[in-house]
């Protein structure tokens, strides 16, 4: 009888230990699921201080933007090396900043302003022309549809940003000569491809279009935008990114 009780006790303890192990394993896996997305998330230029030895997507942005302005950074590889350091110092020296090679908020913002400067200046001059160009009801309707289809889950600023990109494309002359040509350009907008463009826009979409037409451009003249989580095109990542609004990044 005693032997039977001992065996029973041993069996119970084994089960309990097994449950504890299972619980610990479950907790470990759950913790990994929480941590991994945070490790995978990309930092954007200006999110943190960059210096010699830093690595990451934001360093790659830094290198692309410096290269866009004509500074020699060597290989655009996301590694803050010697050439990137010298390029940062040169940029800082040319713009009245402390040439210490450290990219904090001040240097990052100055760089972003420089990159978007030409486009932003053009957007400012086009603000007047936006007021003078007569958009038809169909134009306004289609703009509202693309805003609603692409950005109805975004903030009002994010919706204005999408409308601004369409208008910036129109005024650039590179994407078509009408609102419709810009919107219907092959593979230009996901909402056109998946049919969400054909949904009925709400009042917020119309208000966002109106704000963009009147000159508000929170993107600084951007002509590209995408969701970094779902974007599959490698080419688009070569564009100089100037800002991030909601779920979208905006580039020149």
C-alpha atoms as a PDB file:
ATOM      1  CA  UNK A   1       0.000   0.000   0.000  1.00  0.00           C
ATOM      2  CA  UNK A   2       2.818   2.365   0.959  1.00  0.00           C
ATOM      3  CA  UNK A   3       4.565   1.565  -2.304  1.00  0.00           C
ATOM      4  CA  UNK A   4       1.389   2.313  -4.241  1.00  0.00           C
ATOM      5  CA  UNK A   5       0.983   5.645  -2.445  1.00  0.00           C
ATOM      6  CA  UNK A   6       4.607   6.499  -3.204  1.00  0.00           C
ATOM      7  CA  UNK A   7       4.119   5.734  -6.889  1.00  0.00           C
ATOM      8  CA  UNK A   8       0.923   7.786  -6.935  1.00  0.00           C
ATOM      9  CA  UNK A   9       2.670  10.699  -5.224  1.00  0.00           C
ATOM     10  CA  UNK A  10       5.552  10.499  -7.701  1.00  0.00           C
ATOM     11  CA  UNK A  11       3.117  10.493 -10.623  1.00  0.00           C
ATOM     12  CA  UNK A  12       1.253  13.521  -9.248  1.00  0.00           C
ATOM     13  CA  UNK A  13       4.507  15.446  -8.722  1.00  0.00           C
ATOM     14  CA  UNK A  14       5.577  14.628 -12.260  1.00  0.00           C
ATOM     15  CA  UNK A  15       2.292  15.991 -13.596  1.00  0.00           C
ATOM     16  CA  UNK A  16       2.605  19.142 -11.473  1.00  0.00           C
ATOM     17  CA  UNK A  17       6.193  19.680 -12.604  1.00  0.00           C
ATOM     18  CA  UNK A  18       5.093  19.112 -16.177  1.00  0.00           C
ATOM     19  CA  UNK A  19       2.405  21.743 -15.816  1.00  0.00           C
ATOM     20  CA  UNK A  20       4.924  24.153 -14.319  1.00  0.00           C
ATOM     21  CA  UNK A  21       7.289  23.561 -17.222  1.00  0.00           C
ATOM     22  CA  UNK A  22       4.437  24.036 -19.675  1.00  0.00           C
ATOM     23  CA  UNK A  23       3.417  27.249 -17.938  1.00  0.00           C
ATOM     24  CA  UNK A  24       6.997  28.518 -17.968  1.00  0.00           C
ATOM     25  CA  UNK A  25       7.353  27.670 -21.647  1.00  0.00           C
ATOM     26  CA  UNK A  26       4.067  29.422 -22.437  1.00  0.00           C
ATOM     27  CA  UNK A  27       5.189  32.499 -20.509  1.00  0.00           C
ATOM     28  CA  UNK A  28       8.539  32.473 -22.329  1.00  0.00           C
ATOM     29  CA  UNK A  29       6.911  32.229 -25.769  1.00  0.00           C
ATOM     30  CA  UNK A  30       4.395  34.957 -24.890  1.00  0.00           C
ATOM     31  CA  UNK A  31       7.238  37.212 -23.723  1.00  0.00           C
ATOM     32  CA  UNK A  32       9.079  36.652 -26.989  1.00  0.00           C
ATOM     33  CA  UNK A  33       5.969  37.577 -28.964  1.00  0.00           C
ATOM     34  CA  UNK A  34       5.797  40.850 -27.055  1.00  0.00           C
ATOM     35  CA  UNK A  35       9.481  41.644 -27.375  1.00  0.00           C
ATOM     36  CA  UNK A  36      10.211  40.636 -30.970  1.00  0.00           C
ATOM     37  CA  UNK A  37       7.928  43.222 -32.654  1.00  0.00           C
ATOM     38  CA  UNK A  38       9.615  45.939 -30.612  1.00  0.00           C
ATOM     39  CA  UNK A  39      13.025  44.755 -31.696  1.00  0.00           C
ATOM     40  CA  UNK A  40      11.921  44.565 -35.305  1.00  0.00           C
ATOM     41  CA  UNK A  41      10.411  48.060 -35.395  1.00  0.00           C
ATOM     42  CA  UNK A  42      12.464  50.582 -37.350  1.00  0.00           C
ATOM     43  CA  UNK A  43      13.554  53.878 -35.848  1.00  0.00           C
ATOM     44  CA  UNK A  44      13.176  56.928 -38.071  1.00  0.00           C
ATOM     45  CA  UNK A  45      15.625  59.771 -38.437  1.00  0.00           C
ATOM     46  CA  UNK A  46      15.199  62.032 -35.418  1.00  0.00           C
ATOM     47  CA  UNK A  47      13.768  59.343 -33.129  1.00  0.00           C
ATOM     48  CA  UNK A  48      17.104  58.847 -31.359  1.00  0.00           C
ATOM     49  CA  UNK A  49      20.594  60.345 -31.212  1.00  0.00           C
ATOM     50  CA  UNK A  50      22.978  58.905 -33.803  1.00  0.00           C
ATOM     51  CA  UNK A  51      26.765  58.877 -33.570  1.00  0.00           C
ATOM     52  CA  UNK A  52      29.794  57.008 -34.871  1.00  0.00           C
ATOM     53  CA  UNK A  53      29.104  53.287 -34.499  1.00  0.00           C
ATOM     54  CA  UNK A  54      25.302  53.549 -34.592  1.00  0.00           C
ATOM     55  CA  UNK A  55      23.452  51.130 -36.849  1.00  0.00           C
ATOM     56  CA  UNK A  56      19.900  50.867 -38.121  1.00  0.00           C
ATOM     57  CA  UNK A  57      17.345  52.053 -40.598  1.00  0.00           C
ATOM     58  CA  UNK A  58      17.523  55.628 -39.297  1.00  0.00           C
ATOM     59  CA  UNK A  59      21.256  55.656 -40.093  1.00  0.00           C
ATOM     60  CA  UNK A  60      20.376  54.551 -43.614  1.00  0.00           C
ATOM     61  CA  UNK A  61      17.911  57.448 -43.833  1.00  0.00           C
ATOM     62  CA  UNK A  62      20.639  59.784 -42.626  1.00  0.00           C
ATOM     63  CA  UNK A  63      23.017  58.524 -45.303  1.00  0.00           C
ATOM     64  CA  UNK A  64      20.420  58.805 -48.072  1.00  0.00           C
ATOM     65  CA  UNK A  65      19.484  62.348 -47.102  1.00  0.00           C
ATOM     66  CA  UNK A  66      23.110  63.451 -46.860  1.00  0.00           C
ATOM     67  CA  UNK A  67      23.780  61.876 -50.237  1.00  0.00           C
ATOM     68  CA  UNK A  68      20.723  63.619 -51.666  1.00  0.00           C
ATOM     69  CA  UNK A  69      22.292  66.929 -50.624  1.00  0.00           C
ATOM     70  CA  UNK A  70      25.609  66.043 -52.240  1.00  0.00           C
ATOM     71  CA  UNK A  71      27.615  64.896 -49.214  1.00  0.00           C
ATOM     72  CA  UNK A  72      29.807  61.816 -49.678  1.00  0.00           C
ATOM     73  CA  UNK A  73      28.757  59.103 -47.247  1.00  0.00           C
ATOM     74  CA  UNK A  74      30.221  56.073 -48.983  1.00  0.00           C
ATOM     75  CA  UNK A  75      28.048  52.970 -48.955  1.00  0.00           C
ATOM     76  CA  UNK A  76      24.447  53.457 -47.824  1.00  0.00           C
ATOM     77  CA  UNK A  77      24.380  50.470 -45.498  1.00  0.00           C
ATOM     78  CA  UNK A  78      22.841  51.712 -42.245  1.00  0.00           C
ATOM     79  CA  UNK A  79      26.213  51.703 -40.456  1.00  0.00           C
ATOM     80  CA  UNK A  80      27.466  55.041 -39.089  1.00  0.00           C
ATOM     81  CA  UNK A  81      31.092  54.790 -40.197  1.00  0.00           C
ATOM     82  CA  UNK A  82      33.976  57.183 -40.842  1.00  0.00           C
ATOM     83  CA  UNK A  83      32.644  58.635 -44.118  1.00  0.00           C
ATOM     84  CA  UNK A  84      29.201  59.196 -42.636  1.00  0.00           C
ATOM     85  CA  UNK A  85      30.823  60.924 -39.659  1.00  0.00           C
ATOM     86  CA  UNK A  86      32.745  63.297 -41.922  1.00  0.00           C
ATOM     87  CA  UNK A  87      29.631  63.978 -44.004  1.00  0.00           C
ATOM     88  CA  UNK A  88      27.661  64.841 -40.855  1.00  0.00           C
ATOM     89  CA  UNK A  89      30.422  67.176 -39.649  1.00  0.00           C
ATOM     90  CA  UNK A  90      30.551  68.877 -43.054  1.00  0.00           C
ATOM     91  CA  UNK A  91      26.780  69.318 -43.070  1.00  0.00           C
ATOM     92  CA  UNK A  92      26.820  70.719 -39.549  1.00  0.00           C
ATOM     93  CA  UNK A  93      29.653  73.117 -40.370  1.00  0.00           C
ATOM     94  CA  UNK A  94      27.907  74.344 -43.513  1.00  0.00           C
ATOM     95  CA  UNK A  95      24.700  75.043 -41.600  1.00  0.00           C
ATOM     96  CA  UNK A  96      26.015  76.851 -38.537  1.00  0.00           C
ATOM     97  CA  UNK A  97      25.717  73.851 -36.214  1.00  0.00           C
ATOM     98  CA  UNK A  98      28.262  72.427 -33.795  1.00  0.00           C
ATOM     99  CA  UNK A  99      30.344  70.122 -35.989  1.00  0.00           C
ATOM    100  CA  UNK A 100      30.625  67.256 -33.518  1.00  0.00           C
ATOM    101  CA  UNK A 101      29.359  64.512 -35.824  1.00  0.00           C
ATOM    102  CA  UNK A 102      26.492  63.678 -33.481  1.00  0.00           C
ATOM    103  CA  UNK A 103      23.017  63.647 -35.016  1.00  0.00           C
ATOM    104  CA  UNK A 104      20.541  64.774 -32.394  1.00  0.00           C
ATOM    105  CA  UNK A 105      17.174  66.448 -32.880  1.00  0.00           C
ATOM    106  CA  UNK A 106      18.669  69.761 -34.054  1.00  0.00           C
ATOM    107  CA  UNK A 107      20.888  68.230 -36.735  1.00  0.00           C
ATOM    108  CA  UNK A 108      18.200  65.753 -37.838  1.00  0.00           C
ATOM    109  CA  UNK A 109      15.581  68.488 -38.204  1.00  0.00           C
ATOM    110  CA  UNK A 110      18.021  70.749 -40.059  1.00  0.00           C
ATOM    111  CA  UNK A 111      18.818  67.909 -42.448  1.00  0.00           C
ATOM    112  CA  UNK A 112      15.161  67.109 -43.068  1.00  0.00           C
ATOM    113  CA  UNK A 113      14.412  70.788 -43.698  1.00  0.00           C
ATOM    114  CA  UNK A 114      17.298  70.979 -46.169  1.00  0.00           C
ATOM    115  CA  UNK A 115      16.147  67.895 -48.054  1.00  0.00           C
ATOM    116  CA  UNK A 116      12.544  69.031 -48.226  1.00  0.00           C
ATOM    117  CA  UNK A 117      13.496  72.686 -48.734  1.00  0.00           C
ATOM    118  CA  UNK A 118      13.356  72.748 -52.525  1.00  0.00           C
ATOM    119  CA  UNK A 119      10.149  70.757 -52.612  1.00  0.00           C
ATOM    120  CA  UNK A 120       8.613  72.755 -49.776  1.00  0.00           C
ATOM    121  CA  UNK A 121       9.539  76.029 -51.477  1.00  0.00           C
ATOM    122  CA  UNK A 122       7.893  74.810 -54.648  1.00  0.00           C
ATOM    123  CA  UNK A 123       4.837  73.766 -52.683  1.00  0.00           C
ATOM    124  CA  UNK A 124       4.610  77.266 -51.184  1.00  0.00           C
ATOM    125  CA  UNK A 125       4.691  78.902 -54.590  1.00  0.00           C
ATOM    126  CA  UNK A 126       2.101  76.416 -55.758  1.00  0.00           C
ATOM    127  CA  UNK A 127      -0.188  77.321 -52.885  1.00  0.00           C
ATOM    128  CA  UNK A 128      -1.137  80.413 -54.858  1.00  0.00           C
ATOM    129  CA  UNK A 129      -1.642  78.443 -58.029  1.00  0.00           C
ATOM    130  CA  UNK A 130      -3.763  75.919 -56.144  1.00  0.00           C
ATOM    131  CA  UNK A 131      -6.116  78.732 -55.286  1.00  0.00           C
ATOM    132  CA  UNK A 132      -6.197  79.942 -58.867  1.00  0.00           C
ATOM    133  CA  UNK A 133      -6.552  76.546 -60.535  1.00  0.00           C
ATOM    134  CA  UNK A 134     -10.158  75.548 -60.876  1.00  0.00           C
ATOM    135  CA  UNK A 135     -10.799  71.967 -59.836  1.00  0.00           C
ATOM    136  CA  UNK A 136     -14.030  70.467 -61.069  1.00  0.00           C
ATOM    137  CA  UNK A 137     -16.572  68.734 -58.857  1.00  0.00           C
ATOM    138  CA  UNK A 138     -15.366  65.456 -60.289  1.00  0.00           C
ATOM    139  CA  UNK A 139     -11.787  66.346 -59.324  1.00  0.00           C
ATOM    140  CA  UNK A 140     -12.817  67.124 -55.747  1.00  0.00           C
ATOM    141  CA  UNK A 141     -14.915  63.960 -55.591  1.00  0.00           C
ATOM    142  CA  UNK A 142     -12.068  61.789 -56.854  1.00  0.00           C
ATOM    143  CA  UNK A 143      -9.622  63.415 -54.451  1.00  0.00           C
ATOM    144  CA  UNK A 144     -12.013  62.743 -51.573  1.00  0.00           C
ATOM    145  CA  UNK A 145     -12.399  59.147 -52.745  1.00  0.00           C
ATOM    146  CA  UNK A 146      -8.651  58.535 -52.815  1.00  0.00           C
ATOM    147  CA  UNK A 147      -8.267  60.125 -49.371  1.00  0.00           C
ATOM    148  CA  UNK A 148     -11.088  58.016 -47.949  1.00  0.00           C
ATOM    149  CA  UNK A 149      -9.842  54.841 -49.613  1.00  0.00           C
ATOM    150  CA  UNK A 150      -6.214  55.322 -48.613  1.00  0.00           C
ATOM    151  CA  UNK A 151      -6.368  57.120 -45.269  1.00  0.00           C
ATOM    152  CA  UNK A 152      -9.785  57.001 -43.610  1.00  0.00           C
ATOM    153  CA  UNK A 153      -8.204  55.392 -40.549  1.00  0.00           C
ATOM    154  CA  UNK A 154      -5.616  58.163 -40.248  1.00  0.00           C
ATOM    155  CA  UNK A 155      -5.799  61.449 -38.360  1.00  0.00           C
ATOM    156  CA  UNK A 156      -7.102  64.525 -40.173  1.00  0.00           C
ATOM    157  CA  UNK A 157      -3.504  65.612 -40.752  1.00  0.00           C
ATOM    158  CA  UNK A 158      -2.766  62.198 -42.231  1.00  0.00           C
ATOM    159  CA  UNK A 159      -5.710  62.561 -44.603  1.00  0.00           C
ATOM    160  CA  UNK A 160      -4.577  66.040 -45.678  1.00  0.00           C
ATOM    161  CA  UNK A 161      -1.126  64.564 -46.260  1.00  0.00           C
ATOM    162  CA  UNK A 162      -2.484  61.986 -48.722  1.00  0.00           C
ATOM    163  CA  UNK A 163      -4.447  64.651 -50.596  1.00  0.00           C
ATOM    164  CA  UNK A 164      -1.301  66.788 -50.695  1.00  0.00           C
ATOM    165  CA  UNK A 165       0.730  63.999 -52.276  1.00  0.00           C
ATOM    166  CA  UNK A 166      -1.825  63.670 -55.079  1.00  0.00           C
ATOM    167  CA  UNK A 167      -1.749  67.433 -55.661  1.00  0.00           C
ATOM    168  CA  UNK A 168       2.053  67.549 -55.478  1.00  0.00           C
ATOM    169  CA  UNK A 169       2.175  64.834 -58.113  1.00  0.00           C
ATOM    170  CA  UNK A 170      -0.246  66.767 -60.280  1.00  0.00           C
ATOM    171  CA  UNK A 171       1.746  69.994 -60.060  1.00  0.00           C
ATOM    172  CA  UNK A 172       5.073  68.252 -60.595  1.00  0.00           C
ATOM    173  CA  UNK A 173       3.998  67.271 -64.109  1.00  0.00           C
ATOM    174  CA  UNK A 174       5.688  63.878 -63.711  1.00  0.00           C
ATOM    175  CA  UNK A 175       2.607  61.803 -62.994  1.00  0.00           C
ATOM    176  CA  UNK A 176      -0.065  63.127 -65.329  1.00  0.00           C
ATOM    177  CA  UNK A 177      -1.864  66.318 -66.260  1.00  0.00           C
ATOM    178  CA  UNK A 178      -5.111  65.773 -64.386  1.00  0.00           C
ATOM    179  CA  UNK A 179      -6.286  64.496 -61.025  1.00  0.00           C
ATOM    180  CA  UNK A 180      -7.634  61.400 -62.733  1.00  0.00           C
ATOM    181  CA  UNK A 181      -4.376  60.656 -64.565  1.00  0.00           C
ATOM    182  CA  UNK A 182      -2.471  60.853 -61.286  1.00  0.00           C
ATOM    183  CA  UNK A 183      -4.922  58.657 -59.387  1.00  0.00           C
ATOM    184  CA  UNK A 184      -5.374  56.025 -62.092  1.00  0.00           C
ATOM    185  CA  UNK A 185      -1.689  55.688 -62.876  1.00  0.00           C
ATOM    186  CA  UNK A 186      -0.938  51.930 -62.789  1.00  0.00           C
ATOM    187  CA  UNK A 187       0.031  50.639 -59.325  1.00  0.00           C
ATOM    188  CA  UNK A 188       0.116  54.173 -57.900  1.00  0.00           C
ATOM    189  CA  UNK A 189      -2.508  53.741 -55.172  1.00  0.00           C
ATOM    190  CA  UNK A 190      -3.534  50.590 -53.341  1.00  0.00           C
ATOM    191  CA  UNK A 191      -7.118  51.825 -52.940  1.00  0.00           C
ATOM    192  CA  UNK A 192      -7.593  51.876 -56.709  1.00  0.00           C
ATOM    193  CA  UNK A 193      -6.223  48.344 -57.021  1.00  0.00           C
ATOM    194  CA  UNK A 194      -8.338  46.786 -54.265  1.00  0.00           C
ATOM    195  CA  UNK A 195     -11.519  48.764 -54.992  1.00  0.00           C
ATOM    196  CA  UNK A 196     -11.647  50.897 -51.849  1.00  0.00           C
ATOM    197  CA  UNK A 197     -11.315  53.981 -54.039  1.00  0.00           C
ATOM    198  CA  UNK A 198     -14.884  53.401 -55.212  1.00  0.00           C
ATOM    199  CA  UNK A 199     -16.371  53.714 -51.729  1.00  0.00           C
ATOM    200  CA  UNK A 200     -18.402  56.803 -50.842  1.00  0.00           C
ATOM    201  CA  UNK A 201     -16.160  59.346 -49.063  1.00  0.00           C
ATOM    202  CA  UNK A 202     -17.220  60.965 -45.799  1.00  0.00           C
ATOM    203  CA  UNK A 203     -17.173  64.647 -44.837  1.00  0.00           C
ATOM    204  CA  UNK A 204     -13.724  64.362 -43.255  1.00  0.00           C
ATOM    205  CA  UNK A 205     -12.256  63.275 -46.593  1.00  0.00           C
ATOM    206  CA  UNK A 206     -13.797  66.301 -48.328  1.00  0.00           C
ATOM    207  CA  UNK A 207     -12.505  68.617 -45.593  1.00  0.00           C
ATOM    208  CA  UNK A 208      -9.014  67.156 -45.952  1.00  0.00           C
ATOM    209  CA  UNK A 209      -9.092  67.751 -49.698  1.00  0.00           C
ATOM    210  CA  UNK A 210     -10.285  71.314 -49.172  1.00  0.00           C
ATOM    211  CA  UNK A 211      -7.448  71.974 -46.711  1.00  0.00           C
ATOM    212  CA  UNK A 212      -4.870  70.577 -49.142  1.00  0.00           C
ATOM    213  CA  UNK A 213      -6.272  72.550 -52.083  1.00  0.00           C
ATOM    214  CA  UNK A 214      -6.073  75.734 -49.993  1.00  0.00           C
ATOM    215  CA  UNK A 215      -2.379  75.121 -49.405  1.00  0.00           C
ATOM    216  CA  UNK A 216      -1.858  73.065 -46.265  1.00  0.00           C
ATOM    217  CA  UNK A 217       0.815  70.478 -47.005  1.00  0.00           C
ATOM    218  CA  UNK A 218       2.004  68.663 -43.856  1.00  0.00           C
ATOM    219  CA  UNK A 219       4.366  66.550 -45.988  1.00  0.00           C
ATOM    220  CA  UNK A 220       6.710  69.341 -47.055  1.00  0.00           C
ATOM    221  CA  UNK A 221       6.169  68.666 -50.743  1.00  0.00           C
ATOM    222  CA  UNK A 222       6.287  64.860 -50.711  1.00  0.00           C
ATOM    223  CA  UNK A 223       5.325  62.987 -53.870  1.00  0.00           C
ATOM    224  CA  UNK A 224       5.512  59.476 -52.416  1.00  0.00           C
ATOM    225  CA  UNK A 225       4.091  57.795 -49.336  1.00  0.00           C
ATOM    226  CA  UNK A 226       3.677  54.239 -48.124  1.00  0.00           C
ATOM    227  CA  UNK A 227       3.011  52.093 -45.092  1.00  0.00           C
ATOM    228  CA  UNK A 228       6.401  50.761 -43.941  1.00  0.00           C
ATOM    229  CA  UNK A 229       4.767  47.659 -42.458  1.00  0.00           C
ATOM    230  CA  UNK A 230       3.130  46.514 -45.690  1.00  0.00           C
ATOM    231  CA  UNK A 231       5.336  48.059 -48.399  1.00  0.00           C
ATOM    232  CA  UNK A 232       6.870  45.468 -50.729  1.00  0.00           C
ATOM    233  CA  UNK A 233       8.687  47.715 -53.217  1.00  0.00           C
ATOM    234  CA  UNK A 234      12.425  47.953 -52.561  1.00  0.00           C
ATOM    235  CA  UNK A 235      12.784  50.887 -54.942  1.00  0.00           C
ATOM    236  CA  UNK A 236      10.615  53.215 -52.908  1.00  0.00           C
ATOM    237  CA  UNK A 237      12.921  52.918 -49.892  1.00  0.00           C
ATOM    238  CA  UNK A 238      15.609  54.712 -51.895  1.00  0.00           C
ATOM    239  CA  UNK A 239      13.561  57.934 -51.834  1.00  0.00           C
ATOM    240  CA  UNK A 240      14.606  60.560 -49.245  1.00  0.00           C
ATOM    241  CA  UNK A 241      12.087  60.307 -46.403  1.00  0.00           C
ATOM    242  CA  UNK A 242      11.084  63.674 -44.948  1.00  0.00           C
ATOM    243  CA  UNK A 243       8.418  62.820 -42.386  1.00  0.00           C
ATOM    244  CA  UNK A 244       6.155  60.181 -40.883  1.00  0.00           C
ATOM    245  CA  UNK A 245       2.483  60.885 -40.200  1.00  0.00           C
ATOM    246  CA  UNK A 246       0.411  58.143 -38.631  1.00  0.00           C
ATOM    247  CA  UNK A 247       1.009  54.845 -40.414  1.00  0.00           C
ATOM    248  CA  UNK A 248       2.570  56.451 -43.493  1.00  0.00           C
ATOM    249  CA  UNK A 249       6.047  57.699 -44.302  1.00  0.00           C
ATOM    250  CA  UNK A 250       6.378  60.491 -46.874  1.00  0.00           C
ATOM    251  CA  UNK A 251       9.263  60.982 -49.260  1.00  0.00           C
ATOM    252  CA  UNK A 252      10.494  63.133 -52.126  1.00  0.00           C
END
